[in-house]
Amino acid sequence: MNDAIVRQITAQTQTLSEDEQRRVLAFAKRLAHKNPLGVPVEHFLRSRPDIPAHELKEMERVIEDGCEKIDSNGW
């Protein structure tokens, strides 16, 4: 662990509101999580063969549309 980086993070977070500090903590916890959340799409599709193909295509389109936008006011 780089002590200089830890000190810088600590100094920066001390200037934040409690709510912002909680957001930083939640973000750090997500970064530290070794296994991604969710399941591989192949596992999901095998467990849900009842989803019509046109609905899967629509889901894919919505995900791609939503993931390709940048919220400059968000994280």
PDB file of N, CA and C in Angstrom:
ATOM      1  N   MET A   1       0.844  -1.172   0.000  1.00  0.00           N
ATOM      2  CA  MET A   1       0.000   0.000   0.000  1.00  0.00           C
ATOM      3  C   MET A   1       0.892   1.238   0.000  1.00  0.00           C
ATOM      4  N   ASN A   2       0.532   2.203  -0.820  1.00  0.00           N
ATOM      5  CA  ASN A   2       1.300   3.429  -0.929  1.00  0.00           C
ATOM      6  C   ASN A   2       0.768   4.441   0.090  1.00  0.00           C
ATOM      7  N   ASP A   3       1.555   4.686   1.143  1.00  0.00           N
ATOM      8  CA  ASP A   3       1.124   5.577   2.225  1.00  0.00           C
ATOM      9  C   ASP A   3       0.838   6.993   1.734  1.00  0.00           C
ATOM     10  N   ALA A   4       1.590   7.462   0.749  1.00  0.00           N
ATOM     11  CA  ALA A   4       1.373   8.812   0.230  1.00  0.00           C
ATOM     12  C   ALA A   4      -0.006   8.921  -0.415  1.00  0.00           C
ATOM     13  N   ILE A   5      -0.399   7.898  -1.138  1.00  0.00           N
ATOM     14  CA  ILE A   5      -1.718   7.903  -1.775  1.00  0.00           C
ATOM     15  C   ILE A   5      -2.809   7.842  -0.721  1.00  0.00           C
ATOM     16  N   VAL A   6      -2.621   7.016   0.289  1.00  0.00           N
ATOM     17  CA  VAL A   6      -3.612   6.914   1.369  1.00  0.00           C
ATOM     18  C   VAL A   6      -3.772   8.269   2.057  1.00  0.00           C
ATOM     19  N   ARG A   7      -2.672   8.960   2.305  1.00  0.00           N
ATOM     20  CA  ARG A   7      -2.742  10.289   2.939  1.00  0.00           C
ATOM     21  C   ARG A   7      -3.484  11.278   2.036  1.00  0.00           C
ATOM     22  N   GLN A   8      -3.239  11.222   0.739  1.00  0.00           N
ATOM     23  CA  GLN A   8      -3.917  12.132  -0.187  1.00  0.00           C
ATOM     24  C   GLN A   8      -5.413  11.853  -0.232  1.00  0.00           C
ATOM     25  N   ILE A   9      -5.773  10.579  -0.260  1.00  0.00           N
ATOM     26  CA  ILE A   9      -7.199  10.212  -0.263  1.00  0.00           C
ATOM     27  C   ILE A   9      -7.866  10.702   1.016  1.00  0.00           C
ATOM     28  N   THR A  10      -7.201  10.481   2.128  1.00  0.00           N
ATOM     29  CA  THR A  10      -7.739  10.920   3.417  1.00  0.00           C
ATOM     30  C   THR A  10      -7.930  12.437   3.434  1.00  0.00           C
ATOM     31  N   ALA A  11      -6.933  13.166   2.969  1.00  0.00           N
ATOM     32  CA  ALA A  11      -7.021  14.628   2.960  1.00  0.00           C
ATOM     33  C   ALA A  11      -8.173  15.099   2.079  1.00  0.00           C
ATOM     34  N   GLN A  12      -8.339  14.483   0.924  1.00  0.00           N
ATOM     35  CA  GLN A  12      -9.408  14.879   0.020  1.00  0.00           C
ATOM     36  C   GLN A  12     -10.783  14.565   0.597  1.00  0.00           C
ATOM     37  N   THR A  13     -10.918  13.405   1.193  1.00  0.00           N
ATOM     38  CA  THR A  13     -12.235  13.019   1.704  1.00  0.00           C
ATOM     39  C   THR A  13     -12.638  13.825   2.937  1.00  0.00           C
ATOM     40  N   GLN A  14     -11.683  14.374   3.660  1.00  0.00           N
ATOM     41  CA  GLN A  14     -12.013  15.182   4.840  1.00  0.00           C
ATOM     42  C   GLN A  14     -12.720  16.474   4.454  1.00  0.00           C
ATOM     43  N   THR A  15     -12.587  16.902   3.224  1.00  0.00           N
ATOM     44  CA  THR A  15     -13.234  18.144   2.780  1.00  0.00           C
ATOM     45  C   THR A  15     -14.644  17.896   2.252  1.00  0.00           C
ATOM     46  N   LEU A  16     -15.043  16.635   2.164  1.00  0.00           N
ATOM     47  CA  LEU A  16     -16.345  16.281   1.614  1.00  0.00           C
ATOM     48  C   LEU A  16     -17.416  16.207   2.696  1.00  0.00           C
ATOM     49  N   SER A  17     -18.661  16.323   2.260  1.00  0.00           N
ATOM     50  CA  SER A  17     -19.778  16.132   3.192  1.00  0.00           C
ATOM     51  C   SER A  17     -19.846  14.659   3.592  1.00  0.00           C
ATOM     52  N   GLU A  18     -20.624  14.361   4.606  1.00  0.00           N
ATOM     53  CA  GLU A  18     -20.765  12.963   5.042  1.00  0.00           C
ATOM     54  C   GLU A  18     -21.347  12.104   3.922  1.00  0.00           C
ATOM     55  N   ASP A  19     -22.335  12.642   3.207  1.00  0.00           N
ATOM     56  CA  ASP A  19     -22.941  11.896   2.101  1.00  0.00           C
ATOM     57  C   ASP A  19     -21.901  11.609   1.018  1.00  0.00           C
ATOM     58  N   GLU A  20     -21.084  12.594   0.686  1.00  0.00           N
ATOM     59  CA  GLU A  20     -20.040  12.394  -0.328  1.00  0.00           C
ATOM     60  C   GLU A  20     -19.000  11.393   0.158  1.00  0.00           C
ATOM     61  N   GLN A  21     -18.671  11.431   1.444  1.00  0.00           N
ATOM     62  CA  GLN A  21     -17.726  10.460   1.998  1.00  0.00           C
ATOM     63  C   GLN A  21     -18.286   9.046   1.883  1.00  0.00           C
ATOM     64  N   ARG A  22     -19.586   8.897   2.118  1.00  0.00           N
ATOM     65  CA  ARG A  22     -20.210   7.575   1.983  1.00  0.00           C
ATOM     66  C   ARG A  22     -20.149   7.093   0.533  1.00  0.00           C
ATOM     67  N   ARG A  23     -20.328   8.012  -0.411  1.00  0.00           N
ATOM     68  CA  ARG A  23     -20.240   7.644  -1.834  1.00  0.00           C
ATOM     69  C   ARG A  23     -18.822   7.199  -2.192  1.00  0.00           C
ATOM     70  N   VAL A  24     -17.824   7.903  -1.661  1.00  0.00           N
ATOM     71  CA  VAL A  24     -16.428   7.516  -1.895  1.00  0.00           C
ATOM     72  C   VAL A  24     -16.171   6.134  -1.311  1.00  0.00           C
ATOM     73  N   LEU A  25     -16.666   5.902  -0.102  1.00  0.00           N
ATOM     74  CA  LEU A  25     -16.482   4.597   0.540  1.00  0.00           C
ATOM     75  C   LEU A  25     -17.144   3.493  -0.280  1.00  0.00           C
ATOM     76  N   ALA A  26     -18.364   3.735  -0.748  1.00  0.00           N
ATOM     77  CA  ALA A  26     -19.060   2.727  -1.551  1.00  0.00           C
ATOM     78  C   ALA A  26     -18.288   2.448  -2.838  1.00  0.00           C
ATOM     79  N   PHE A  27     -17.750   3.496  -3.450  1.00  0.00           N
ATOM     80  CA  PHE A  27     -16.964   3.332  -4.675  1.00  0.00           C
ATOM     81  C   PHE A  27     -15.705   2.506  -4.395  1.00  0.00           C
ATOM     82  N   ALA A  28     -15.014   2.824  -3.307  1.00  0.00           N
ATOM     83  CA  ALA A  28     -13.803   2.084  -2.947  1.00  0.00           C
ATOM     84  C   ALA A  28     -14.113   0.613  -2.688  1.00  0.00           C
ATOM     85  N   LYS A  29     -15.247   0.348  -2.053  1.00  0.00           N
ATOM     86  CA  LYS A  29     -15.634  -1.043  -1.800  1.00  0.00           C
ATOM     87  C   LYS A  29     -15.898  -1.778  -3.110  1.00  0.00           C
ATOM     88  N   ARG A  30     -16.544  -1.090  -4.070  1.00  0.00           N
ATOM     89  CA  ARG A  30     -16.783  -1.726  -5.368  1.00  0.00           C
ATOM     90  C   ARG A  30     -15.465  -2.021  -6.079  1.00  0.00           C
ATOM     91  N   LEU A  31     -14.515  -1.101  -5.986  1.00  0.00           N
ATOM     92  CA  LEU A  31     -13.209  -1.318  -6.606  1.00  0.00           C
ATOM     93  C   LEU A  31     -12.487  -2.510  -5.976  1.00  0.00           C
ATOM     94  N   ALA A  32     -12.644  -2.667  -4.667  1.00  0.00           N
ATOM     95  CA  ALA A  32     -11.952  -3.733  -3.944  1.00  0.00           C
ATOM     96  C   ALA A  32     -12.602  -5.093  -4.148  1.00  0.00           C
ATOM     97  N   HIS A  33     -13.836  -5.112  -4.611  1.00  0.00           N
ATOM     98  CA  HIS A  33     -14.552  -6.374  -4.807  1.00  0.00           C
ATOM     99  C   HIS A  33     -13.874  -7.154  -5.926  1.00  0.00           C
ATOM    100  N   LYS A  34     -13.398  -8.321  -5.626  1.00  0.00           N
ATOM    101  CA  LYS A  34     -12.616  -9.106  -6.584  1.00  0.00           C
ATOM    102  C   LYS A  34     -13.465  -9.768  -7.666  1.00  0.00           C
ATOM    103  N   ASN A  35     -14.687 -10.094  -7.344  1.00  0.00           N
ATOM    104  CA  ASN A  35     -15.555 -10.762  -8.315  1.00  0.00           C
ATOM    105  C   ASN A  35     -16.633  -9.796  -8.777  1.00  0.00           C
ATOM    106  N   PRO A  36     -16.803  -9.661 -10.081  1.00  0.00           N
ATOM    107  CA  PRO A  36     -17.850  -8.759 -10.554  1.00  0.00           C
ATOM    108  C   PRO A  36     -19.229  -9.250 -10.128  1.00  0.00           C
ATOM    109  N   LEU A  37     -20.129  -8.300  -9.924  1.00  0.00           N
ATOM    110  CA  LEU A  37     -21.484  -8.658  -9.546  1.00  0.00           C
ATOM    111  C   LEU A  37     -22.222  -9.195 -10.760  1.00  0.00           C
ATOM    112  N   GLY A  38     -23.221 -10.003 -10.520  1.00  0.00           N
ATOM    113  CA  GLY A  38     -24.012 -10.541 -11.613  1.00  0.00           C
ATOM    114  C   GLY A  38     -23.521 -11.902 -12.060  1.00  0.00           C
ATOM    115  N   VAL A  39     -24.079 -12.336 -13.160  1.00  0.00           N
ATOM    116  CA  VAL A  39     -23.712 -13.632 -13.722  1.00  0.00           C
ATOM    117  C   VAL A  39     -23.403 -13.452 -15.195  1.00  0.00           C
ATOM    118  N   PRO A  40     -22.592 -14.331 -15.760  1.00  0.00           N
ATOM    119  CA  PRO A  40     -22.337 -14.247 -17.198  1.00  0.00           C
ATOM    120  C   PRO A  40     -23.644 -14.391 -17.977  1.00  0.00           C
ATOM    121  N   VAL A  41     -23.739 -13.692 -19.077  1.00  0.00           N
ATOM    122  CA  VAL A  41     -24.972 -13.701 -19.863  1.00  0.00           C
ATOM    123  C   VAL A  41     -25.371 -15.111 -20.287  1.00  0.00           C
ATOM    124  N   GLU A  42     -24.398 -15.957 -20.549  1.00  0.00           N
ATOM    125  CA  GLU A  42     -24.704 -17.327 -20.962  1.00  0.00           C
ATOM    126  C   GLU A  42     -25.460 -18.072 -19.862  1.00  0.00           C
ATOM    127  N   HIS A  43     -25.060 -17.876 -18.622  1.00  0.00           N
ATOM    128  CA  HIS A  43     -25.747 -18.525 -17.496  1.00  0.00           C
ATOM    129  C   HIS A  43     -27.167 -17.994 -17.369  1.00  0.00           C
ATOM    130  N   PHE A  44     -27.301 -16.680 -17.524  1.00  0.00           N
ATOM    131  CA  PHE A  44     -28.621 -16.070 -17.430  1.00  0.00           C
ATOM    132  C   PHE A  44     -29.545 -16.623 -18.510  1.00  0.00           C
ATOM    133  N   LEU A  45     -29.055 -16.681 -19.736  1.00  0.00           N
ATOM    134  CA  LEU A  45     -29.903 -17.153 -20.842  1.00  0.00           C
ATOM    135  C   LEU A  45     -30.294 -18.618 -20.676  1.00  0.00           C
ATOM    136  N   ARG A  46     -29.385 -19.441 -20.152  1.00  0.00           N
ATOM    137  CA  ARG A  46     -29.721 -20.850 -19.920  1.00  0.00           C
ATOM    138  C   ARG A  46     -30.784 -20.992 -18.835  1.00  0.00           C
ATOM    139  N   SER A  47     -30.763 -20.075 -17.877  1.00  0.00           N
ATOM    140  CA  SER A  47     -31.734 -20.166 -16.788  1.00  0.00           C
ATOM    141  C   SER A  47     -33.085 -19.566 -17.170  1.00  0.00           C
ATOM    142  N   ARG A  48     -33.137 -18.823 -18.274  1.00  0.00           N
ATOM    143  CA  ARG A  48     -34.381 -18.166 -18.693  1.00  0.00           C
ATOM    144  C   ARG A  48     -34.651 -18.392 -20.180  1.00  0.00           C
ATOM    145  N   PRO A  49     -34.843 -19.641 -20.600  1.00  0.00           N
ATOM    146  CA  PRO A  49     -35.092 -19.909 -22.028  1.00  0.00           C
ATOM    147  C   PRO A  49     -36.445 -19.383 -22.501  1.00  0.00           C
ATOM    148  N   ASP A  50     -37.273 -18.937 -21.561  1.00  0.00           N
ATOM    149  CA  ASP A  50     -38.621 -18.477 -21.903  1.00  0.00           C
ATOM    150  C   ASP A  50     -38.669 -17.029 -22.396  1.00  0.00           C
ATOM    151  N   ILE A  51     -37.544 -16.309 -22.368  1.00  0.00           N
ATOM    152  CA  ILE A  51     -37.544 -14.912 -22.818  1.00  0.00           C
ATOM    153  C   ILE A  51     -37.511 -14.891 -24.349  1.00  0.00           C
ATOM    154  N   PRO A  52     -38.506 -14.261 -24.968  1.00  0.00           N
ATOM    155  CA  PRO A  52     -38.552 -14.208 -26.440  1.00  0.00           C
ATOM    156  C   PRO A  52     -37.337 -13.465 -27.017  1.00  0.00           C
ATOM    157  N   ALA A  53     -36.915 -13.884 -28.190  1.00  0.00           N
ATOM    158  CA  ALA A  53     -35.731 -13.313 -28.833  1.00  0.00           C
ATOM    159  C   ALA A  53     -35.875 -11.805 -29.048  1.00  0.00           C
ATOM    160  N   HIS A  54     -37.067 -11.337 -29.415  1.00  0.00           N
ATOM    161  CA  HIS A  54     -37.233  -9.898 -29.658  1.00  0.00           C
ATOM    162  C   HIS A  54     -37.055  -9.090 -28.365  1.00  0.00           C
ATOM    163  N   GLU A  55     -37.420  -9.685 -27.225  1.00  0.00           N
ATOM    164  CA  GLU A  55     -37.212  -8.999 -25.952  1.00  0.00           C
ATOM    165  C   GLU A  55     -35.725  -8.950 -25.595  1.00  0.00           C
ATOM    166  N   LEU A  56     -35.002 -10.016 -25.905  1.00  0.00           N
ATOM    167  CA  LEU A  56     -33.560 -10.027 -25.659  1.00  0.00           C
ATOM    168  C   LEU A  56     -32.866  -8.961 -26.505  1.00  0.00           C
ATOM    169  N   LYS A  57     -33.289  -8.824 -27.753  1.00  0.00           N
ATOM    170  CA  LYS A  57     -32.710  -7.801 -28.639  1.00  0.00           C
ATOM    171  C   LYS A  57     -32.986  -6.401 -28.082  1.00  0.00           C
ATOM    172  N   GLU A  58     -34.207  -6.201 -27.590  1.00  0.00           N
ATOM    173  CA  GLU A  58     -34.564  -4.904 -27.019  1.00  0.00           C
ATOM    174  C   GLU A  58     -33.735  -4.618 -25.767  1.00  0.00           C
ATOM    175  N   MET A  59     -33.535  -5.622 -24.930  1.00  0.00           N
ATOM    176  CA  MET A  59     -32.708  -5.461 -23.737  1.00  0.00           C
ATOM    177  C   MET A  59     -31.281  -5.073 -24.136  1.00  0.00           C
ATOM    178  N   GLU A  60     -30.757  -5.744 -25.134  1.00  0.00           N
ATOM    179  CA  GLU A  60     -29.402  -5.460 -25.604  1.00  0.00           C
ATOM    180  C   GLU A  60     -29.304  -4.013 -26.115  1.00  0.00           C
ATOM    181  N   ARG A  61     -30.312  -3.574 -26.874  1.00  0.00           N
ATOM    182  CA  ARG A  61     -30.312  -2.221 -27.421  1.00  0.00           C
ATOM    183  C   ARG A  61     -30.346  -1.176 -26.291  1.00  0.00           C
ATOM    184  N   VAL A  62     -31.195  -1.406 -25.305  1.00  0.00           N
ATOM    185  CA  VAL A  62     -31.326  -0.462 -24.198  1.00  0.00           C
ATOM    186  C   VAL A  62     -30.026  -0.393 -23.398  1.00  0.00           C
ATOM    187  N   ILE A  63     -29.409  -1.523 -23.161  1.00  0.00           N
ATOM    188  CA  ILE A  63     -28.146  -1.551 -22.413  1.00  0.00           C
ATOM    189  C   ILE A  63     -27.074  -0.792 -23.185  1.00  0.00           C
ATOM    190  N   GLU A  64     -26.955  -1.066 -24.482  1.00  0.00           N
ATOM    191  CA  GLU A  64     -25.947  -0.380 -25.281  1.00  0.00           C
ATOM    192  C   GLU A  64     -26.203   1.123 -25.318  1.00  0.00           C
ATOM    193  N   ASP A  65     -27.448   1.528 -25.468  1.00  0.00           N
ATOM    194  CA  ASP A  65     -27.778   2.952 -25.491  1.00  0.00           C
ATOM    195  C   ASP A  65     -27.423   3.613 -24.164  1.00  0.00           C
ATOM    196  N   GLY A  66     -27.755   2.949 -23.068  1.00  0.00           N
ATOM    197  CA  GLY A  66     -27.505   3.520 -21.749  1.00  0.00           C
ATOM    198  C   GLY A  66     -26.043   3.548 -21.362  1.00  0.00           C
ATOM    199  N   CYS A  67     -25.270   2.598 -21.868  1.00  0.00           N
ATOM    200  CA  CYS A  67     -23.864   2.505 -21.483  1.00  0.00           C
ATOM    201  C   CYS A  67     -22.963   3.400 -22.325  1.00  0.00           C
ATOM    202  N   GLU A  68     -23.470   3.939 -23.391  1.00  0.00           N
ATOM    203  CA  GLU A  68     -22.634   4.735 -24.270  1.00  0.00           C
ATOM    204  C   GLU A  68     -22.781   6.225 -24.010  1.00  0.00           C
ATOM    205  N   LYS A  69     -23.494   6.593 -22.950  1.00  0.00           N
ATOM    206  CA  LYS A  69     -23.680   8.001 -22.623  1.00  0.00           C
ATOM    207  C   LYS A  69     -22.851   8.338 -21.394  1.00  0.00           C
ATOM    208  N   ILE A  70     -22.328   9.541 -21.388  1.00  0.00           N
ATOM    209  CA  ILE A  70     -21.524  10.004 -20.253  1.00  0.00           C
ATOM    210  C   ILE A  70     -22.325  11.034 -19.490  1.00  0.00           C
ATOM    211  N   ASP A  71     -22.461  10.822 -18.202  1.00  0.00           N
ATOM    212  CA  ASP A  71     -23.117  11.778 -17.324  1.00  0.00           C
ATOM    213  C   ASP A  71     -22.021  12.597 -16.655  1.00  0.00           C
ATOM    214  N   SER A  72     -21.772  13.779 -17.177  1.00  0.00           N
ATOM    215  CA  SER A  72     -20.665  14.594 -16.652  1.00  0.00           C
ATOM    216  C   SER A  72     -20.895  15.051 -15.217  1.00  0.00           C
ATOM    217  N   ASN A  73     -22.147  14.974 -14.739  1.00  0.00           N
ATOM    218  CA  ASN A  73     -22.451  15.330 -13.367  1.00  0.00           C
ATOM    219  C   ASN A  73     -22.478  14.118 -12.441  1.00  0.00           C
ATOM    220  N   GLY A  74     -22.308  12.921 -13.001  1.00  0.00           N
ATOM    221  CA  GLY A  74     -22.343  11.694 -12.205  1.00  0.00           C
ATOM    222  C   GLY A  74     -20.942  11.215 -11.897  1.00  0.00           C
ATOM    223  N   TRP A  75     -20.869   9.967 -11.493  1.00  0.00           N
ATOM    224  CA  TRP A  75     -19.571   9.383 -11.165  1.00  0.00           C
ATOM    225  C   TRP A  75     -18.868   9.016 -12.410  1.00  0.00           C
TER     226      TRP A  75
END
